[in-house]
Amino acid sequence: MSEPVMRRTQTGHVARLLTPVFSVHSPLAKALSLCSVLSILAFGAVPVSAQTTSDTANYSIESAKAVHSLLLDVALAGKRLVAVGDRGHILYSDDQGANWTQAKVPTRQLLTAVYFVDAQHGWAVGHDAQILATSDAGETWTQQFSDLEREEGAPFLDVWFKDRNTGFVVGAYGALFTTEDGGQTWEDVSDRLDSEDGYHLNAIVGVEGSGLYAVGELGGMFRSADWGLTWETIQGPYEGSLFGAVATGEPGGLLVYGLRGHLFRSSDFGDTWEQIEIQTPGNGPLEFGLADGNLLANGTIVVVGHGGTVLSSTDKGQTFSLDNRSDRISLAGVTATDNGNLILVGQGGVHLASLSGADLGQQ
């Protein structure tokens, strides 16, 4: 497979470098190599007014095949499932993933992440530095922000909200944006980070009883003990790109993960790290990139990635069991239904699976 790795060239554009691991359709970069900027492809801290959507907006095209198209993230809005991905597709399901309805969305650009702070209010981010919002559990969406001039529309890659008012977005070239009014205005606060080279930020997560943690390109780590007001740079355990982070549910507990199966655990908000080595039966250490993780309602932590990789832990991330789907597809997002099944998204759209990652009916 080829993992695209994005770097800024002297001209300020993004260049793609390929290193051997498996050939993929480029938008799959988040699932495959969020390495830098989810592998796809700051300025003045001045609040930017939210942009409303006009009647002539370029809405995502409705398609019966959307549920099988490339999807990059999935989240719960109460009991509803909401998934986002290519061509501005946003889908939702009210029957634990059996059937999906396509939402009306004012963009046709790739959407990279989605987050719900409660059963009704959620945000999605993606290319063209777009931020979309919903107040009806994902049925309809409005555009709160977009900046085509920012690094030629470089994408936002992750979003996290503390409550309905306070939220953060991270993305390409060290982007960090925040809102205190639910997204009516967004402020570029990238200069709060000591990131002179502007390496891409791939993920942001809230850590129980501790604060915010952001990870990205070249092992970059930043943490904020005051929930986003000030940030410090952390010397991490790994110099390769990190694609995501997930809290373990314990105070100060989190996992970070990235290229070639690298997975690290901290119980003290990033002061110290322990590498969690994953062994594949008969093939040595896991070398597939890990793209997304989630702490499920029952306390299980699931991490997914390339090669159909599904990792699960029932001891707060101290140990993991490994399953690889037989189809070896690249997975970009994971959550779970009330009945204990997994909802996986990535290549081929939505996959309803058991806790082992196998499609239901194919175990």
Protein backbone atom coordinates (compact mmCIF):
# COMPACT_ATOMS: atom_id res chain seq x y z
CA MET A 1 0.00 0.00 0.00
CA SER A 2 1.19 3.51 -0.47
CA GLU A 3 0.77 5.83 2.46
CA PRO A 4 0.64 9.41 1.20
CA VAL A 5 2.65 11.75 3.36
CA MET A 6 2.03 15.45 2.90
CA ARG A 7 4.68 18.09 3.28
CA ARG A 8 4.76 21.81 2.61
CA THR A 9 7.09 22.67 -0.27
CA GLN A 10 9.04 25.89 -0.67
CA THR A 11 6.20 27.31 -2.71
CA GLY A 12 3.77 26.76 0.17
CA HIS A 13 1.86 24.03 -1.63
CA VAL A 14 1.33 20.50 -0.38
CA ALA A 15 3.42 17.79 -2.00
CA ARG A 16 2.69 14.07 -1.84
CA LEU A 17 5.36 11.60 -0.97
CA LEU A 18 4.68 7.88 -1.21
CA THR A 19 6.21 5.25 0.97
CA PRO A 20 5.48 1.56 0.41
CA VAL A 21 2.51 0.12 2.43
CA PHE A 22 -0.87 -0.01 -0.38
CA SER A 23 -2.35 1.87 -3.20
CA VAL A 24 -5.48 3.83 -2.40
CA HIS A 25 -7.83 6.41 -3.68
CA SER A 26 -6.38 9.69 -2.45
CA PRO A 27 -9.31 10.93 -0.34
CA LEU A 28 -8.81 7.83 1.78
CA ALA A 29 -5.83 9.65 3.15
CA LYS A 30 -7.34 10.19 6.56
CA ALA A 31 -8.03 6.54 6.95
CA LEU A 32 -4.77 5.62 5.45
CA SER A 33 -2.33 8.19 6.40
CA LEU A 34 -3.64 11.03 8.31
CA CYS A 35 -0.01 11.40 8.47
CA SER A 36 0.33 15.00 8.35
CA VAL A 37 -2.90 16.18 7.24
CA LEU A 38 -4.90 13.13 7.14
CA SER A 39 -2.80 12.97 4.20
CA ILE A 40 -5.00 14.85 1.90
CA LEU A 41 -4.02 16.90 0.55
CA ALA A 42 -3.10 31.36 10.49
CA PHE A 43 -3.61 33.58 10.79
CA GLY A 44 -4.42 36.80 12.76
CA ALA A 45 -6.41 35.98 15.87
CA VAL A 46 -9.41 37.93 14.70
CA PRO A 47 -12.94 36.52 15.09
CA VAL A 48 -14.45 35.62 11.73
CA SER A 49 -18.19 35.94 11.37
CA ALA A 50 -20.07 32.76 10.65
CA GLN A 51 -21.04 32.40 7.02
CA THR A 52 -24.63 31.46 6.34
CA THR A 53 -25.73 29.25 3.49
CA SER A 54 -27.66 30.82 0.62
CA ASP A 55 -30.34 29.19 -1.48
CA THR A 56 -27.79 28.74 -4.26
CA ALA A 57 -25.34 26.80 -2.08
CA ASN A 58 -23.57 23.85 -3.66
CA TYR A 59 -25.36 21.08 -1.80
CA SER A 60 -24.11 17.52 -1.66
CA ILE A 61 -25.75 15.38 -4.33
CA GLU A 62 -28.19 12.77 -3.03
CA SER A 63 -27.19 9.27 -4.01
CA ALA A 64 -28.43 5.80 -3.10
CA LYS A 65 -24.76 4.74 -3.20
CA ALA A 66 -23.66 7.25 -0.56
CA VAL A 67 -23.79 4.61 2.18
CA HIS A 68 -21.15 2.65 0.22
CA SER A 69 -18.94 5.64 -0.61
CA LEU A 70 -15.81 6.68 1.25
CA LEU A 71 -16.68 7.75 4.82
CA LEU A 72 -14.12 9.09 7.27
CA ASP A 73 -15.86 9.44 10.64
CA VAL A 74 -18.93 8.34 12.58
CA ALA A 75 -20.43 9.56 15.85
CA LEU A 76 -23.45 9.11 18.09
CA ALA A 77 -26.09 11.83 18.40
CA GLY A 78 -28.00 10.35 21.30
CA LYS A 79 -29.04 6.98 19.87
CA ARG A 80 -28.76 8.19 16.28
CA LEU A 81 -25.67 7.35 14.22
CA VAL A 82 -24.16 10.08 12.00
CA ALA A 83 -21.39 9.46 9.46
CA VAL A 84 -19.47 11.91 7.22
CA GLY A 85 -17.17 11.58 4.24
CA ASP A 86 -16.54 12.13 0.55
CA ARG A 87 -18.45 14.65 -1.61
CA GLY A 88 -20.05 16.26 1.43
CA HIS A 89 -22.01 13.14 2.28
CA ILE A 90 -23.56 13.02 5.73
CA LEU A 91 -25.72 10.01 6.59
CA TYR A 92 -27.76 9.17 9.67
CA SER A 93 -29.41 6.02 10.99
CA ASP A 94 -32.10 5.53 13.64
CA ASP A 95 -32.17 1.72 13.56
CA GLN A 96 -28.66 0.86 14.77
CA GLY A 97 -27.12 1.10 11.33
CA ALA A 98 -29.50 -1.13 9.38
CA ASN A 99 -30.77 1.73 7.19
CA TRP A 100 -29.30 5.16 6.45
CA THR A 101 -30.77 8.50 5.29
CA GLN A 102 -28.72 11.13 3.50
CA ALA A 103 -28.84 14.58 5.10
CA LYS A 104 -29.07 17.88 3.25
CA VAL A 105 -25.55 19.32 3.37
CA PRO A 106 -24.33 22.65 1.91
CA THR A 107 -21.03 21.36 0.50
CA ARG A 108 -19.61 18.80 -1.90
CA GLN A 109 -16.18 18.79 -0.33
CA LEU A 110 -14.64 15.93 1.62
CA LEU A 111 -15.67 15.98 5.29
CA THR A 112 -13.09 14.56 7.68
CA ALA A 113 -14.59 14.52 11.18
CA VAL A 114 -17.85 14.88 13.11
CA TYR A 115 -18.57 15.49 16.82
CA PHE A 116 -21.79 15.74 18.85
CA VAL A 117 -21.87 17.42 22.24
CA ASP A 118 -25.41 16.15 22.93
CA ALA A 119 -28.23 14.38 21.12
CA GLN A 120 -29.05 17.39 18.93
CA HIS A 121 -26.01 19.63 18.50
CA GLY A 122 -23.08 18.59 16.34
CA TRP A 123 -20.31 19.91 14.09
CA ALA A 124 -18.51 18.51 11.05
CA VAL A 125 -15.28 19.77 9.46
CA GLY A 126 -13.42 19.19 6.22
CA HIS A 127 -11.80 20.58 3.11
CA ASP A 128 -11.90 24.27 2.21
CA ALA A 129 -11.44 24.86 5.95
CA GLN A 130 -15.17 24.26 6.38
CA ILE A 131 -17.12 23.99 9.59
CA LEU A 132 -20.73 22.80 9.42
CA ALA A 133 -23.26 22.68 12.26
CA THR A 134 -26.54 20.94 13.04
CA SER A 135 -29.12 21.46 15.79
CA ASP A 136 -31.48 18.65 14.76
CA ALA A 137 -29.29 15.57 15.28
CA GLY A 138 -27.76 15.71 11.82
CA GLU A 139 -30.83 15.93 9.58
CA THR A 140 -29.95 19.40 8.29
CA TRP A 141 -26.69 21.35 8.31
CA THR A 142 -25.56 24.95 7.92
CA GLN A 143 -22.12 26.27 7.08
CA GLN A 144 -20.62 28.27 9.94
CA PHE A 145 -17.20 28.91 8.46
CA SER A 146 -15.14 28.41 5.30
CA ASP A 147 -11.87 29.92 4.12
CA LEU A 148 -10.83 29.08 0.56
CA GLU A 149 -7.88 31.44 0.84
CA ARG A 150 -6.35 29.68 3.82
CA GLU A 151 -3.50 27.62 2.36
CA GLU A 152 -5.61 27.06 -0.76
CA GLY A 153 -8.50 25.57 1.19
CA ALA A 154 -6.36 23.28 3.36
CA PRO A 155 -8.62 21.02 5.41
CA PHE A 156 -9.69 21.03 9.01
CA LEU A 157 -9.14 17.52 10.37
CA ASP A 158 -10.83 17.22 13.74
CA VAL A 159 -13.36 18.95 15.99
CA TRP A 160 -14.15 18.78 19.72
CA PHE A 161 -16.69 20.64 21.87
CA LYS A 162 -16.77 21.04 25.64
CA ASP A 163 -20.41 22.17 25.63
CA ARG A 164 -22.81 23.82 23.20
CA ASN A 165 -20.79 27.04 23.24
CA THR A 166 -17.10 26.20 23.57
CA GLY A 167 -15.35 24.21 20.87
CA PHE A 168 -12.08 23.71 18.99
CA VAL A 169 -11.06 22.70 15.48
CA VAL A 170 -7.59 21.57 14.36
CA GLY A 171 -6.17 20.98 10.90
CA ALA A 172 -3.54 21.41 8.25
CA TYR A 173 -0.52 23.66 8.82
CA GLY A 174 -0.98 23.80 12.58
CA ALA A 175 -4.48 25.28 12.46
CA LEU A 176 -6.23 25.80 15.80
CA PHE A 177 -9.58 27.60 15.81
CA THR A 178 -11.98 28.15 18.68
CA THR A 179 -15.49 29.43 19.37
CA GLU A 180 -17.22 30.59 22.54
CA ASP A 181 -20.66 31.07 21.01
CA GLY A 182 -21.48 27.72 19.46
CA GLY A 183 -19.82 28.61 16.18
CA GLN A 184 -21.53 31.91 15.41
CA THR A 185 -17.96 33.25 15.30
CA TRP A 186 -14.68 31.36 15.01
CA GLU A 187 -11.30 32.72 16.05
CA ASP A 188 -7.95 31.61 14.67
CA VAL A 189 -5.77 31.00 17.75
CA SER A 190 -3.04 28.99 16.04
CA ASP A 191 -0.48 31.30 17.61
CA ARG A 192 -1.31 29.80 21.01
CA LEU A 193 0.76 26.80 19.89
CA ASP A 194 4.54 26.84 19.73
CA SER A 195 4.56 25.41 16.20
CA GLU A 196 6.81 27.58 14.07
CA ASP A 197 6.98 25.02 11.26
CA GLY A 198 3.20 24.68 11.11
CA TYR A 199 3.07 20.91 11.10
CA HIS A 200 -0.39 19.46 10.57
CA LEU A 201 -2.60 18.70 13.57
CA ASN A 202 -4.65 15.56 13.05
CA ALA A 203 -6.68 15.18 16.23
CA ILE A 204 -7.87 16.87 19.42
CA VAL A 205 -9.40 15.16 22.45
CA GLY A 206 -10.65 16.05 25.90
CA VAL A 207 -8.98 14.07 28.70
CA GLU A 208 -10.91 13.30 31.87
CA GLY A 209 -10.03 15.66 34.72
CA SER A 210 -7.01 17.06 32.87
CA GLY A 211 -7.65 19.19 29.77
CA LEU A 212 -7.14 19.06 26.01
CA TYR A 213 -4.59 17.11 24.00
CA ALA A 214 -3.73 17.56 20.31
CA VAL A 215 -1.49 15.37 18.14
CA GLY A 216 -0.21 15.47 14.60
CA GLU A 217 2.58 15.29 12.10
CA LEU A 218 6.09 14.14 13.08
CA GLY A 219 4.94 13.07 16.52
CA GLY A 220 3.76 16.56 17.44
CA MET A 221 1.97 16.83 20.80
CA PHE A 222 0.37 19.79 22.55
CA ARG A 223 -1.64 19.89 25.76
CA SER A 224 -3.75 22.47 27.56
CA ALA A 225 -4.50 22.12 31.27
CA ASP A 226 -6.91 25.07 31.15
CA TRP A 227 -9.08 23.64 28.37
CA GLY A 228 -7.66 25.61 25.47
CA LEU A 229 -6.60 29.00 26.85
CA THR A 230 -2.89 28.19 26.95
CA TRP A 231 -0.90 25.32 25.43
CA GLU A 232 2.44 23.66 26.04
CA THR A 233 4.50 21.55 23.65
CA ILE A 234 5.13 17.99 24.83
CA GLN A 235 8.15 15.92 23.86
CA GLY A 236 6.47 12.73 22.74
CA PRO A 237 7.68 9.14 22.58
CA TYR A 238 7.63 8.89 18.77
CA GLU A 239 8.87 11.00 15.85
CA GLY A 240 6.50 9.56 13.27
CA SER A 241 3.10 11.03 12.53
CA LEU A 242 0.26 10.50 14.98
CA PHE A 243 -3.21 10.28 13.49
CA GLY A 244 -5.41 10.25 16.56
CA ALA A 245 -5.94 10.18 20.31
CA VAL A 246 -8.60 8.72 22.56
CA ALA A 247 -9.20 9.22 26.28
CA THR A 248 -9.30 6.08 28.41
CA GLY A 249 -11.97 7.43 30.77
CA GLU A 250 -9.55 7.70 33.71
CA PRO A 251 -8.20 11.05 34.98
CA GLY A 252 -5.13 11.85 32.86
CA GLY A 253 -5.52 8.70 30.78
CA LEU A 254 -5.15 8.71 27.01
CA LEU A 255 -3.88 6.72 24.05
CA VAL A 256 -2.24 8.10 20.91
CA TYR A 257 -1.66 6.17 17.71
CA GLY A 258 -0.36 6.55 14.17
CA LEU A 259 1.95 5.18 11.53
CA ARG A 260 2.83 1.50 11.28
CA GLY A 261 0.82 0.35 14.27
CA HIS A 262 2.47 2.66 16.79
CA LEU A 263 0.31 2.94 19.91
CA PHE A 264 1.23 4.66 23.17
CA ARG A 265 -0.53 4.98 26.53
CA SER A 266 -0.23 7.64 29.23
CA SER A 267 -1.88 7.72 32.65
CA ASP A 268 -0.55 11.17 33.61
CA PHE A 269 -1.78 13.46 30.83
CA GLY A 270 1.29 12.90 28.69
CA ASP A 271 4.07 13.31 31.25
CA THR A 272 5.18 9.73 30.61
CA TRP A 273 4.36 7.20 27.91
CA GLU A 274 4.35 3.43 27.54
CA GLN A 275 4.39 1.81 24.11
CA ILE A 276 1.72 -0.84 23.60
CA GLU A 277 3.18 -3.38 21.20
CA ILE A 278 0.64 -5.27 19.11
CA GLN A 279 1.77 -8.65 17.79
CA THR A 280 0.17 -10.24 14.74
CA PRO A 281 -0.13 -14.05 14.74
CA GLY A 282 2.99 -15.37 13.03
CA ASN A 283 3.90 -12.03 11.45
CA GLY A 284 5.60 -10.03 14.18
CA PRO A 285 4.60 -6.49 15.21
CA LEU A 286 1.56 -4.81 13.66
CA GLU A 287 2.68 -2.45 10.90
CA PHE A 288 -0.62 -1.10 9.62
CA GLY A 289 -1.34 2.56 10.36
CA LEU A 290 -4.00 3.28 12.99
CA ALA A 291 -6.53 5.94 12.07
CA ASP A 292 -9.26 6.30 14.72
CA GLY A 293 -10.26 5.21 18.21
CA ASN A 294 -13.28 5.44 20.48
CA LEU A 295 -14.12 4.81 24.12
CA LEU A 296 -17.42 2.94 23.99
CA ALA A 297 -20.23 3.27 26.52
CA ASN A 298 -19.37 -0.09 28.08
CA GLY A 299 -15.76 1.01 28.71
CA THR A 300 -14.22 -0.91 25.81
CA ILE A 301 -11.69 1.03 23.75
CA VAL A 302 -11.64 0.23 20.02
CA VAL A 303 -8.93 1.45 17.62
CA VAL A 304 -9.14 0.86 13.85
CA GLY A 305 -6.89 1.36 10.85
CA HIS A 306 -5.45 0.01 7.62
CA GLY A 307 -5.52 -3.61 6.59
CA GLY A 308 -8.88 -4.15 8.28
CA THR A 309 -7.24 -3.68 11.67
CA VAL A 310 -9.58 -3.69 14.69
CA LEU A 311 -8.00 -3.45 18.15
CA SER A 312 -10.06 -3.72 21.34
CA SER A 313 -9.20 -3.25 25.01
CA THR A 314 -11.25 -3.92 28.13
CA ASP A 315 -8.59 -2.75 30.62
CA LYS A 316 -8.36 0.98 29.83
CA GLY A 317 -5.86 0.45 27.04
CA GLN A 318 -3.25 -1.52 28.95
CA THR A 319 -3.59 -4.47 26.57
CA PHE A 320 -5.34 -5.00 23.24
CA SER A 321 -6.68 -7.92 21.26
CA LEU A 322 -6.14 -7.79 17.49
CA ASP A 323 -8.50 -8.80 14.72
CA ASN A 324 -8.00 -8.19 11.01
CA ARG A 325 -11.00 -8.21 8.73
CA SER A 326 -10.72 -10.73 5.92
CA ASP A 327 -11.32 -8.02 3.30
CA ARG A 328 -8.37 -5.97 4.66
CA ILE A 329 -10.13 -2.69 3.91
CA SER A 330 -8.86 0.54 5.43
CA LEU A 331 -11.02 1.76 8.29
CA ALA A 332 -11.27 5.42 9.28
CA GLY A 333 -13.85 5.60 12.06
CA VAL A 334 -15.62 3.50 14.69
CA THR A 335 -18.45 3.67 17.21
CA ALA A 336 -20.93 1.17 18.65
CA THR A 337 -24.67 0.59 18.76
CA ASP A 338 -26.87 -0.08 21.79
CA ASN A 339 -26.88 -3.79 20.98
CA GLY A 340 -23.11 -3.99 21.26
CA ASN A 341 -22.24 -4.15 17.57
CA LEU A 342 -19.60 -1.95 15.97
CA ILE A 343 -20.25 0.61 13.27
CA LEU A 344 -17.12 0.89 11.12
CA VAL A 345 -16.61 3.44 8.35
CA GLY A 346 -13.92 3.79 5.70
CA GLN A 347 -13.46 2.10 2.35
CA GLY A 348 -16.82 0.85 1.13
CA GLY A 349 -18.78 3.16 3.42
CA VAL A 350 -20.61 1.76 6.46
CA HIS A 351 -19.92 -1.72 7.86
CA LEU A 352 -22.02 -3.28 10.62
CA ALA A 353 -19.71 -5.57 12.54
CA SER A 354 -19.25 -7.64 15.64
CA LEU A 355 -16.72 -6.62 18.29
CA SER A 356 -14.12 -8.60 16.33
CA GLY A 357 -14.69 -6.31 13.34
CA ALA A 358 -16.19 -9.02 11.13
CA ASP A 359 -19.27 -8.01 9.18
CA LEU A 360 -22.45 -9.34 10.78
CA GLY A 361 -23.45 -12.64 9.19
CA GLN A 362 -19.88 -13.31 8.04
CA GLN A 363 -18.36 -14.52 11.29
